[in-house]
């Protein structure tokens, strides 16, 4: 399988709503586990930033954003949670201006 096709499979898997569709390789995810993963991603993002690991901060913060999208699509959350990293962005914008 080419790299392009693998990326496409991963993207389709991550964006598929909560359902059992084994023919596409999608499995059910426990909603509690998803919320725990969101909390873990948030904690790891903040920890990475505090240790000047900017690339890892980007990884974990984007992971949290993806989990937030998944939780909303799966119906675990009624609406998306506000981005917990907004304050960091606002602080950075204030430094630039």
PDB file of N, CA and C in Angstrom:
ATOM      1  N   UNK A   1       0.851  -1.179   0.000  1.00  0.00           N
ATOM      2  CA  UNK A   1       0.000   0.000   0.000  1.00  0.00           C
ATOM      3  C   UNK A   1       0.892   1.235   0.000  1.00  0.00           C
ATOM      4  N   UNK A   2       0.588   2.185  -0.863  1.00  0.00           N
ATOM      5  CA  UNK A   2       1.409   3.390  -0.944  1.00  0.00           C
ATOM      6  C   UNK A   2       1.209   4.268   0.286  1.00  0.00           C
ATOM      7  N   UNK A   3       2.142   5.169   0.497  1.00  0.00           N
ATOM      8  CA  UNK A   3       2.060   6.079   1.640  1.00  0.00           C
ATOM      9  C   UNK A   3       0.809   6.934   1.541  1.00  0.00           C
ATOM     10  N   UNK A   4       0.481   7.408   0.335  1.00  0.00           N
ATOM     11  CA  UNK A   4      -0.707   8.236   0.149  1.00  0.00           C
ATOM     12  C   UNK A   4      -1.966   7.488   0.582  1.00  0.00           C
ATOM     13  N   UNK A   5      -2.088   6.223   0.169  1.00  0.00           N
ATOM     14  CA  UNK A   5      -3.261   5.434   0.540  1.00  0.00           C
ATOM     15  C   UNK A   5      -3.307   5.186   2.040  1.00  0.00           C
ATOM     16  N   UNK A   6      -2.154   4.976   2.670  1.00  0.00           N
ATOM     17  CA  UNK A   6      -2.120   4.777   4.116  1.00  0.00           C
ATOM     18  C   UNK A   6      -2.598   6.024   4.835  1.00  0.00           C
ATOM     19  N   UNK A   7      -2.149   7.208   4.399  1.00  0.00           N
ATOM     20  CA  UNK A   7      -2.590   8.453   5.017  1.00  0.00           C
ATOM     21  C   UNK A   7      -4.089   8.631   4.855  1.00  0.00           C
ATOM     22  N   UNK A   8      -4.604   8.277   3.689  1.00  0.00           N
ATOM     23  CA  UNK A   8      -6.030   8.415   3.434  1.00  0.00           C
ATOM     24  C   UNK A   8      -6.827   7.493   4.365  1.00  0.00           C
ATOM     25  N   UNK A   9      -6.350   6.280   4.572  1.00  0.00           N
ATOM     26  CA  UNK A   9      -7.023   5.341   5.470  1.00  0.00           C
ATOM     27  C   UNK A   9      -7.023   5.890   6.891  1.00  0.00           C
ATOM     28  N   UNK A  10      -5.891   6.424   7.330  1.00  0.00           N
ATOM     29  CA  UNK A  10      -5.810   6.983   8.683  1.00  0.00           C
ATOM     30  C   UNK A  10      -6.762   8.152   8.830  1.00  0.00           C
ATOM     31  N   UNK A  11      -6.785   9.055   7.857  1.00  0.00           N
ATOM     32  CA  UNK A  11      -7.681  10.212   7.940  1.00  0.00           C
ATOM     33  C   UNK A  11      -9.140   9.762   7.991  1.00  0.00           C
ATOM     34  N   UNK A  12      -9.517   8.824   7.146  1.00  0.00           N
ATOM     35  CA  UNK A  12     -10.900   8.344   7.147  1.00  0.00           C
ATOM     36  C   UNK A  12     -11.241   7.656   8.460  1.00  0.00           C
ATOM     37  N   UNK A  13     -10.310   6.949   9.038  1.00  0.00           N
ATOM     38  CA  UNK A  13     -10.547   6.254  10.299  1.00  0.00           C
ATOM     39  C   UNK A  13     -10.768   7.248  11.418  1.00  0.00           C
ATOM     40  N   UNK A  14      -9.944   8.304  11.477  1.00  0.00           N
ATOM     41  CA  UNK A  14     -10.052   9.270  12.562  1.00  0.00           C
ATOM     42  C   UNK A  14     -11.317  10.114  12.469  1.00  0.00           C
ATOM     43  N   UNK A  15     -11.811  10.343  11.263  1.00  0.00           N
ATOM     44  CA  UNK A  15     -12.950  11.238  11.100  1.00  0.00           C
ATOM     45  C   UNK A  15     -14.292  10.517  11.031  1.00  0.00           C
ATOM     46  N   UNK A  16     -14.281   9.202  11.137  1.00  0.00           N
ATOM     47  CA  UNK A  16     -15.519   8.449  11.031  1.00  0.00           C
ATOM     48  C   UNK A  16     -16.279   8.514  12.357  1.00  0.00           C
ATOM     49  N   UNK A  17     -17.560   8.830  12.320  1.00  0.00           N
ATOM     50  CA  UNK A  17     -18.336   8.857  13.557  1.00  0.00           C
ATOM     51  C   UNK A  17     -18.371   7.501  14.260  1.00  0.00           C
ATOM     52  N   UNK A  18     -18.799   7.499  15.497  1.00  0.00           N
ATOM     53  CA  UNK A  18     -18.840   6.321  16.359  1.00  0.00           C
ATOM     54  C   UNK A  18     -19.796   5.285  15.777  1.00  0.00           C
ATOM     55  N   UNK A  19     -19.239   4.257  15.172  1.00  0.00           N
ATOM     56  CA  UNK A  19     -20.035   3.173  14.610  1.00  0.00           C
ATOM     57  C   UNK A  19     -19.134   1.980  14.379  1.00  0.00           C
ATOM     58  N   UNK A  20     -19.737   0.837  14.227  1.00  0.00           N
ATOM     59  CA  UNK A  20     -18.952  -0.365  13.977  1.00  0.00           C
ATOM     60  C   UNK A  20     -19.015  -0.662  12.487  1.00  0.00           C
ATOM     61  N   UNK A  21     -17.911  -0.426  11.820  1.00  0.00           N
ATOM     62  CA  UNK A  21     -17.829  -0.655  10.385  1.00  0.00           C
ATOM     63  C   UNK A  21     -16.502  -1.340  10.111  1.00  0.00           C
ATOM     64  N   UNK A  22     -16.443  -2.629  10.429  1.00  0.00           N
ATOM     65  CA  UNK A  22     -15.179  -3.351  10.369  1.00  0.00           C
ATOM     66  C   UNK A  22     -14.618  -3.445   8.956  1.00  0.00           C
ATOM     67  N   UNK A  23     -15.442  -3.287   7.935  1.00  0.00           N
ATOM     68  CA  UNK A  23     -14.919  -3.378   6.573  1.00  0.00           C
ATOM     69  C   UNK A  23     -13.987  -2.210   6.262  1.00  0.00           C
ATOM     70  N   UNK A  24     -14.124  -1.096   6.951  1.00  0.00           N
ATOM     71  CA  UNK A  24     -13.244   0.052   6.737  1.00  0.00           C
ATOM     72  C   UNK A  24     -12.157   0.136   7.799  1.00  0.00           C
ATOM     73  N   UNK A  25     -12.100  -0.833   8.693  1.00  0.00           N
ATOM     74  CA  UNK A  25     -11.073  -0.814   9.718  1.00  0.00           C
ATOM     75  C   UNK A  25     -11.386   0.099  10.883  1.00  0.00           C
ATOM     76  N   UNK A  26     -12.627   0.529  10.999  1.00  0.00           N
ATOM     77  CA  UNK A  26     -13.020   1.428  12.074  1.00  0.00           C
ATOM     78  C   UNK A  26     -13.535   0.599  13.236  1.00  0.00           C
ATOM     79  N   UNK A  27     -13.048   0.898  14.420  1.00  0.00           N
ATOM     80  CA  UNK A  27     -13.511   0.186  15.602  1.00  0.00           C
ATOM     81  C   UNK A  27     -14.166   1.165  16.558  1.00  0.00           C
ATOM     82  N   UNK A  28     -15.011   0.643  17.407  1.00  0.00           N
ATOM     83  CA  UNK A  28     -15.653   1.487  18.405  1.00  0.00           C
ATOM     84  C   UNK A  28     -14.636   1.920  19.443  1.00  0.00           C
ATOM     85  N   UNK A  29     -14.760   3.141  19.890  1.00  0.00           N
ATOM     86  CA  UNK A  29     -13.889   3.634  20.951  1.00  0.00           C
ATOM     87  C   UNK A  29     -14.772   3.962  22.140  1.00  0.00           C
ATOM     88  N   UNK A  30     -14.363   3.505  23.288  1.00  0.00           N
ATOM     89  CA  UNK A  30     -15.090   3.781  24.511  1.00  0.00           C
ATOM     90  C   UNK A  30     -15.065   5.288  24.764  1.00  0.00           C
ATOM     91  N   UNK A  31     -16.230   5.926  24.942  1.00  0.00           N
ATOM     92  CA  UNK A  31     -16.266   7.377  25.159  1.00  0.00           C
ATOM     93  C   UNK A  31     -15.458   7.821  26.379  1.00  0.00           C
ATOM     94  N   UNK A  32     -15.422   7.011  27.415  1.00  0.00           N
ATOM     95  CA  UNK A  32     -14.662   7.372  28.613  1.00  0.00           C
ATOM     96  C   UNK A  32     -13.171   7.395  28.289  1.00  0.00           C
ATOM     97  N   UNK A  33     -12.731   6.432  27.507  1.00  0.00           N
ATOM     98  CA  UNK A  33     -11.317   6.383  27.107  1.00  0.00           C
ATOM     99  C   UNK A  33     -10.972   7.610  26.269  1.00  0.00           C
ATOM    100  N   UNK A  34     -11.864   8.001  25.382  1.00  0.00           N
ATOM    101  CA  UNK A  34     -11.624   9.171  24.543  1.00  0.00           C
ATOM    102  C   UNK A  34     -11.448  10.421  25.393  1.00  0.00           C
ATOM    103  N   UNK A  35     -12.307  10.606  26.382  1.00  0.00           N
ATOM    104  CA  UNK A  35     -12.200  11.775  27.247  1.00  0.00           C
ATOM    105  C   UNK A  35     -10.917  11.727  28.084  1.00  0.00           C
ATOM    106  N   UNK A  36     -10.531  10.529  28.512  1.00  0.00           N
ATOM    107  CA  UNK A  36      -9.271  10.389  29.244  1.00  0.00           C
ATOM    108  C   UNK A  36      -8.087  10.733  28.343  1.00  0.00           C
ATOM    109  N   UNK A  37      -8.148  10.319  27.088  1.00  0.00           N
ATOM    110  CA  UNK A  37      -7.087  10.639  26.138  1.00  0.00           C
ATOM    111  C   UNK A  37      -7.009  12.149  25.888  1.00  0.00           C
ATOM    112  N   UNK A  38      -8.162  12.809  25.871  1.00  0.00           N
ATOM    113  CA  UNK A  38      -8.175  14.264  25.725  1.00  0.00           C
ATOM    114  C   UNK A  38      -7.454  14.925  26.890  1.00  0.00           C
ATOM    115  N   UNK A  39      -7.759  14.489  28.099  1.00  0.00           N
ATOM    116  CA  UNK A  39      -7.101  15.048  29.283  1.00  0.00           C
ATOM    117  C   UNK A  39      -5.600  14.782  29.260  1.00  0.00           C
ATOM    118  N   UNK A  40      -5.234  13.576  28.845  1.00  0.00           N
ATOM    119  CA  UNK A  40      -3.819  13.225  28.766  1.00  0.00           C
ATOM    120  C   UNK A  40      -3.100  14.099  27.744  1.00  0.00           C
ATOM    121  N   UNK A  41      -3.715  14.305  26.591  1.00  0.00           N
ATOM    122  CA  UNK A  41      -3.108  15.137  25.547  1.00  0.00           C
ATOM    123  C   UNK A  41      -2.930  16.573  26.029  1.00  0.00           C
ATOM    124  N   UNK A  42      -3.915  17.095  26.745  1.00  0.00           N
ATOM    125  CA  UNK A  42      -3.822  18.461  27.275  1.00  0.00           C
ATOM    126  C   UNK A  42      -2.673  18.566  28.268  1.00  0.00           C
ATOM    127  N   UNK A  43      -2.591  17.611  29.176  1.00  0.00           N
ATOM    128  CA  UNK A  43      -1.518  17.627  30.182  1.00  0.00           C
ATOM    129  C   UNK A  43      -0.145  17.511  29.533  1.00  0.00           C
ATOM    130  N   UNK A  44      -0.022  16.626  28.565  1.00  0.00           N
ATOM    131  CA  UNK A  44       1.266  16.439  27.901  1.00  0.00           C
ATOM    132  C   UNK A  44       1.658  17.668  27.080  1.00  0.00           C
ATOM    133  N   UNK A  45       0.672  18.332  26.493  1.00  0.00           N
ATOM    134  CA  UNK A  45       0.961  19.547  25.726  1.00  0.00           C
ATOM    135  C   UNK A  45       1.516  20.631  26.646  1.00  0.00           C
ATOM    136  N   UNK A  46       0.868  20.849  27.758  1.00  0.00           N
ATOM    137  CA  UNK A  46       1.311  21.886  28.688  1.00  0.00           C
ATOM    138  C   UNK A  46       2.672  21.518  29.283  1.00  0.00           C
ATOM    139  N   UNK A  47       2.863  20.252  29.614  1.00  0.00           N
ATOM    140  CA  UNK A  47       4.154  19.803  30.135  1.00  0.00           C
ATOM    141  C   UNK A  47       5.254  20.014  29.096  1.00  0.00           C
ATOM    142  N   UNK A  48       4.975  19.696  27.850  1.00  0.00           N
ATOM    143  CA  UNK A  48       5.967  19.875  26.789  1.00  0.00           C
ATOM    144  C   UNK A  48       6.346  21.346  26.632  1.00  0.00           C
ATOM    145  N   UNK A  49       5.352  22.218  26.672  1.00  0.00           N
ATOM    146  CA  UNK A  49       5.620  23.647  26.539  1.00  0.00           C
ATOM    147  C   UNK A  49       6.456  24.154  27.711  1.00  0.00           C
ATOM    148  N   UNK A  50       6.174  23.651  28.901  1.00  0.00           N
ATOM    149  CA  UNK A  50       6.919  24.102  30.081  1.00  0.00           C
ATOM    150  C   UNK A  50       8.381  23.661  30.039  1.00  0.00           C
ATOM    151  N   UNK A  51       8.696  22.651  29.232  1.00  0.00           N
ATOM    152  CA  UNK A  51      10.067  22.160  29.115  1.00  0.00           C
ATOM    153  C   UNK A  51      10.717  22.592  27.793  1.00  0.00           C
ATOM    154  N   UNK A  52      10.133  23.617  27.147  1.00  0.00           N
ATOM    155  CA  UNK A  52      10.662  24.156  25.890  1.00  0.00           C
ATOM    156  C   UNK A  52      10.687  23.119  24.776  1.00  0.00           C
ATOM    157  N   UNK A  53       9.773  22.157  24.805  1.00  0.00           N
ATOM    158  CA  UNK A  53       9.657  21.143  23.753  1.00  0.00           C
ATOM    159  C   UNK A  53       8.531  21.578  22.820  1.00  0.00           C
ATOM    160  N   UNK A  54       8.820  22.583  21.986  1.00  0.00           N
ATOM    161  CA  UNK A  54       7.780  23.220  21.183  1.00  0.00           C
ATOM    162  C   UNK A  54       7.170  22.289  20.143  1.00  0.00           C
ATOM    163  N   UNK A  55       7.983  21.431  19.563  1.00  0.00           N
ATOM    164  CA  UNK A  55       7.458  20.495  18.574  1.00  0.00           C
ATOM    165  C   UNK A  55       6.487  19.508  19.234  1.00  0.00           C
ATOM    166  N   UNK A  56       6.834  19.036  20.418  1.00  0.00           N
ATOM    167  CA  UNK A  56       5.943  18.114  21.132  1.00  0.00           C
ATOM    168  C   UNK A  56       4.677  18.832  21.609  1.00  0.00           C
ATOM    169  N   UNK A  57       4.809  20.108  21.958  1.00  0.00           N
ATOM    170  CA  UNK A  57       3.614  20.881  22.308  1.00  0.00           C
ATOM    171  C   UNK A  57       2.649  20.903  21.128  1.00  0.00           C
ATOM    172  N   UNK A  58       3.185  21.149  19.947  1.00  0.00           N
ATOM    173  CA  UNK A  58       2.340  21.169  18.749  1.00  0.00           C
ATOM    174  C   UNK A  58       1.684  19.821  18.499  1.00  0.00           C
ATOM    175  N   UNK A  59       2.438  18.753  18.713  1.00  0.00           N
ATOM    176  CA  UNK A  59       1.889  17.414  18.516  1.00  0.00           C
ATOM    177  C   UNK A  59       0.730  17.155  19.473  1.00  0.00           C
ATOM    178  N   UNK A  60       0.957  17.386  20.763  1.00  0.00           N
ATOM    179  CA  UNK A  60      -0.077  17.072  21.756  1.00  0.00           C
ATOM    180  C   UNK A  60      -1.257  18.024  21.696  1.00  0.00           C
ATOM    181  N   UNK A  61      -1.014  19.291  21.378  1.00  0.00           N
ATOM    182  CA  UNK A  61      -2.140  20.215  21.278  1.00  0.00           C
ATOM    183  C   UNK A  61      -3.007  19.873  20.065  1.00  0.00           C
ATOM    184  N   UNK A  62      -2.388  19.490  18.955  1.00  0.00           N
ATOM    185  CA  UNK A  62      -3.184  19.087  17.786  1.00  0.00           C
ATOM    186  C   UNK A  62      -3.901  17.765  18.040  1.00  0.00           C
ATOM    187  N   UNK A  63      -3.299  16.897  18.849  1.00  0.00           N
ATOM    188  CA  UNK A  63      -3.967  15.649  19.234  1.00  0.00           C
ATOM    189  C   UNK A  63      -5.217  15.951  20.038  1.00  0.00           C
ATOM    190  N   UNK A  64      -5.116  16.904  20.960  1.00  0.00           N
ATOM    191  CA  UNK A  64      -6.286  17.286  21.755  1.00  0.00           C
ATOM    192  C   UNK A  64      -7.381  17.825  20.841  1.00  0.00           C
ATOM    193  N   UNK A  65      -7.025  18.652  19.875  1.00  0.00           N
ATOM    194  CA  UNK A  65      -8.007  19.221  18.942  1.00  0.00           C
ATOM    195  C   UNK A  65      -8.700  18.103  18.162  1.00  0.00           C
ATOM    196  N   UNK A  66      -7.941  17.099  17.715  1.00  0.00           N
ATOM    197  CA  UNK A  66      -8.529  15.986  16.964  1.00  0.00           C
ATOM    198  C   UNK A  66      -9.455  15.162  17.842  1.00  0.00           C
ATOM    199  N   UNK A  67      -9.047  14.894  19.089  1.00  0.00           N
ATOM    200  CA  UNK A  67      -9.913  14.161  20.010  1.00  0.00           C
ATOM    201  C   UNK A  67     -11.193  14.942  20.309  1.00  0.00           C
ATOM    202  N   UNK A  68     -11.076  16.244  20.407  1.00  0.00           N
ATOM    203  CA  UNK A  68     -12.256  17.085  20.638  1.00  0.00           C
ATOM    204  C   UNK A  68     -13.230  16.956  19.465  1.00  0.00           C
ATOM    205  N   UNK A  69     -12.688  16.964  18.258  1.00  0.00           N
ATOM    206  CA  UNK A  69     -13.516  16.791  17.050  1.00  0.00           C
ATOM    207  C   UNK A  69     -14.173  15.412  17.053  1.00  0.00           C
ATOM    208  N   UNK A  70     -13.403  14.386  17.367  1.00  0.00           N
ATOM    209  CA  UNK A  70     -13.943  13.026  17.402  1.00  0.00           C
ATOM    210  C   UNK A  70     -15.050  12.884  18.444  1.00  0.00           C
ATOM    211  N   UNK A  71     -14.820  13.427  19.627  1.00  0.00           N
ATOM    212  CA  UNK A  71     -15.814  13.326  20.701  1.00  0.00           C
ATOM    213  C   UNK A  71     -17.114  13.991  20.282  1.00  0.00           C
ATOM    214  N   UNK A  72     -17.017  15.102  19.591  1.00  0.00           N
ATOM    215  CA  UNK A  72     -18.226  15.784  19.122  1.00  0.00           C
ATOM    216  C   UNK A  72     -18.918  14.971  18.025  1.00  0.00           C
ATOM    217  N   UNK A  73     -18.141  14.432  17.086  1.00  0.00           N
ATOM    218  CA  UNK A  73     -18.724  13.631  16.006  1.00  0.00           C
ATOM    219  C   UNK A  73     -19.362  12.348  16.531  1.00  0.00           C
ATOM    220  N   UNK A  74     -18.763  11.772  17.571  1.00  0.00           N
ATOM    221  CA  UNK A  74     -19.290  10.532  18.137  1.00  0.00           C
ATOM    222  C   UNK A  74     -20.505  10.770  19.024  1.00  0.00           C
ATOM    223  N   UNK A  75     -20.775  12.017  19.364  1.00  0.00           N
ATOM    224  CA  UNK A  75     -21.890  12.324  20.240  1.00  0.00           C
ATOM    225  C   UNK A  75     -21.535  12.229  21.715  1.00  0.00           C
ATOM    226  N   UNK A  76     -20.250  12.100  22.027  1.00  0.00           N
ATOM    227  CA  UNK A  76     -19.812  12.059  23.427  1.00  0.00           C
ATOM    228  C   UNK A  76     -19.991  13.442  24.049  1.00  0.00           C
ATOM    229  N   UNK A  77     -19.715  14.483  23.266  1.00  0.00           N
ATOM    230  CA  UNK A  77     -19.895  15.863  23.706  1.00  0.00           C
ATOM    231  C   UNK A  77     -21.034  16.486  22.903  1.00  0.00           C
ATOM    232  N   UNK A  78     -21.869  17.290  23.566  1.00  0.00           N
ATOM    233  CA  UNK A  78     -22.944  17.979  22.863  1.00  0.00           C
ATOM    234  C   UNK A  78     -22.401  19.053  21.929  1.00  0.00           C
ATOM    235  N   UNK A  79     -21.335  19.706  22.360  1.00  0.00           N
ATOM    236  CA  UNK A  79     -20.662  20.683  21.517  1.00  0.00           C
ATOM    237  C   UNK A  79     -19.174  20.588  21.812  1.00  0.00           C
ATOM    238  N   UNK A  80     -18.381  21.091  20.896  1.00  0.00           N
ATOM    239  CA  UNK A  80     -16.937  21.023  21.088  1.00  0.00           C
ATOM    240  C   UNK A  80     -16.538  21.856  22.303  1.00  0.00           C
ATOM    241  N   UNK A  81     -15.556  21.352  23.038  1.00  0.00           N
ATOM    242  CA  UNK A  81     -15.037  22.107  24.172  1.00  0.00           C
ATOM    243  C   UNK A  81     -14.168  23.243  23.657  1.00  0.00           C
ATOM    244  N   UNK A  82     -14.127  24.352  24.397  1.00  0.00           N
ATOM    245  CA  UNK A  82     -13.248  25.440  23.969  1.00  0.00           C
ATOM    246  C   UNK A  82     -11.784  25.003  24.032  1.00  0.00           C
ATOM    247  N   UNK A  83     -10.996  25.513  23.129  1.00  0.00           N
ATOM    248  CA  UNK A  83      -9.593  25.137  23.046  1.00  0.00           C
ATOM    249  C   UNK A  83      -8.850  25.631  24.292  1.00  0.00           C
ATOM    250  N   UNK A  84      -8.248  24.718  25.071  1.00  0.00           N
ATOM    251  CA  UNK A  84      -7.561  25.134  26.290  1.00  0.00           C
ATOM    252  C   UNK A  84      -6.247  25.874  26.023  1.00  0.00           C
ATOM    253  N   UNK A  85      -5.817  25.916  24.773  1.00  0.00           N
ATOM    254  CA  UNK A  85      -4.559  26.559  24.426  1.00  0.00           C
ATOM    255  C   UNK A  85      -4.758  27.968  23.880  1.00  0.00           C
ATOM    256  N   UNK A  86      -5.983  28.451  23.897  1.00  0.00           N
ATOM    257  CA  UNK A  86      -6.293  29.788  23.369  1.00  0.00           C
ATOM    258  C   UNK A  86      -5.536  30.873  24.122  1.00  0.00           C
ATOM    259  N   UNK A  87      -5.408  30.727  25.434  1.00  0.00           N
ATOM    260  CA  UNK A  87      -4.683  31.724  26.219  1.00  0.00           C
ATOM    261  C   UNK A  87      -3.219  31.821  25.785  1.00  0.00           C
ATOM    262  N   UNK A  88      -2.621  30.683  25.440  1.00  0.00           N
ATOM    263  CA  UNK A  88      -1.233  30.692  24.966  1.00  0.00           C
ATOM    264  C   UNK A  88      -1.130  31.454  23.650  1.00  0.00           C
ATOM    265  N   UNK A  89      -2.100  31.239  22.780  1.00  0.00           N
ATOM    266  CA  UNK A  89      -2.112  31.913  21.486  1.00  0.00           C
ATOM    267  C   UNK A  89      -2.286  33.416  21.685  1.00  0.00           C
ATOM    268  N   UNK A  90      -3.225  33.796  22.568  1.00  0.00           N
ATOM    269  CA  UNK A  90      -3.452  35.217  22.827  1.00  0.00           C
ATOM    270  C   UNK A  90      -2.211  35.879  23.418  1.00  0.00           C
ATOM    271  N   UNK A  91      -1.519  35.176  24.306  1.00  0.00           N
ATOM    272  CA  UNK A  91      -0.283  35.688  24.894  1.00  0.00           C
ATOM    273  C   UNK A  91       0.772  35.904  23.809  1.00  0.00           C
ATOM    274  N   UNK A  92       0.907  34.942  22.918  1.00  0.00           N
ATOM    275  CA  UNK A  92       1.890  35.045  21.837  1.00  0.00           C
ATOM    276  C   UNK A  92       1.547  36.206  20.899  1.00  0.00           C
ATOM    277  N   UNK A  93       0.268  36.367  20.608  1.00  0.00           N
ATOM    278  CA  UNK A  93      -0.145  37.482  19.736  1.00  0.00           C
ATOM    279  C   UNK A  93       0.148  38.818  20.397  1.00  0.00           C
ATOM    280  N   UNK A  94      -0.033  38.894  21.698  1.00  0.00           N
ATOM    281  CA  UNK A  94       0.257  40.137  22.428  1.00  0.00           C
ATOM    282  C   UNK A  94       1.733  40.479  22.403  1.00  0.00           C
ATOM    283  N   UNK A  95       2.592  39.473  22.410  1.00  0.00           N
ATOM    284  CA  UNK A  95       4.029  39.697  22.363  1.00  0.00           C
ATOM    285  C   UNK A  95       4.465  40.208  20.998  1.00  0.00           C
ATOM    286  N   UNK A  96       3.793  39.749  19.964  1.00  0.00           N
ATOM    287  CA  UNK A  96       4.171  40.136  18.593  1.00  0.00           C
ATOM    288  C   UNK A  96       3.731  41.569  18.301  1.00  0.00           C
ATOM    289  N   UNK A  97       2.540  41.925  18.742  1.00  0.00           N
ATOM    290  CA  UNK A  97       1.981  43.259  18.430  1.00  0.00           C
ATOM    291  C   UNK A  97       2.563  44.330  19.275  1.00  0.00           C
TER     292      UNK A  97
END
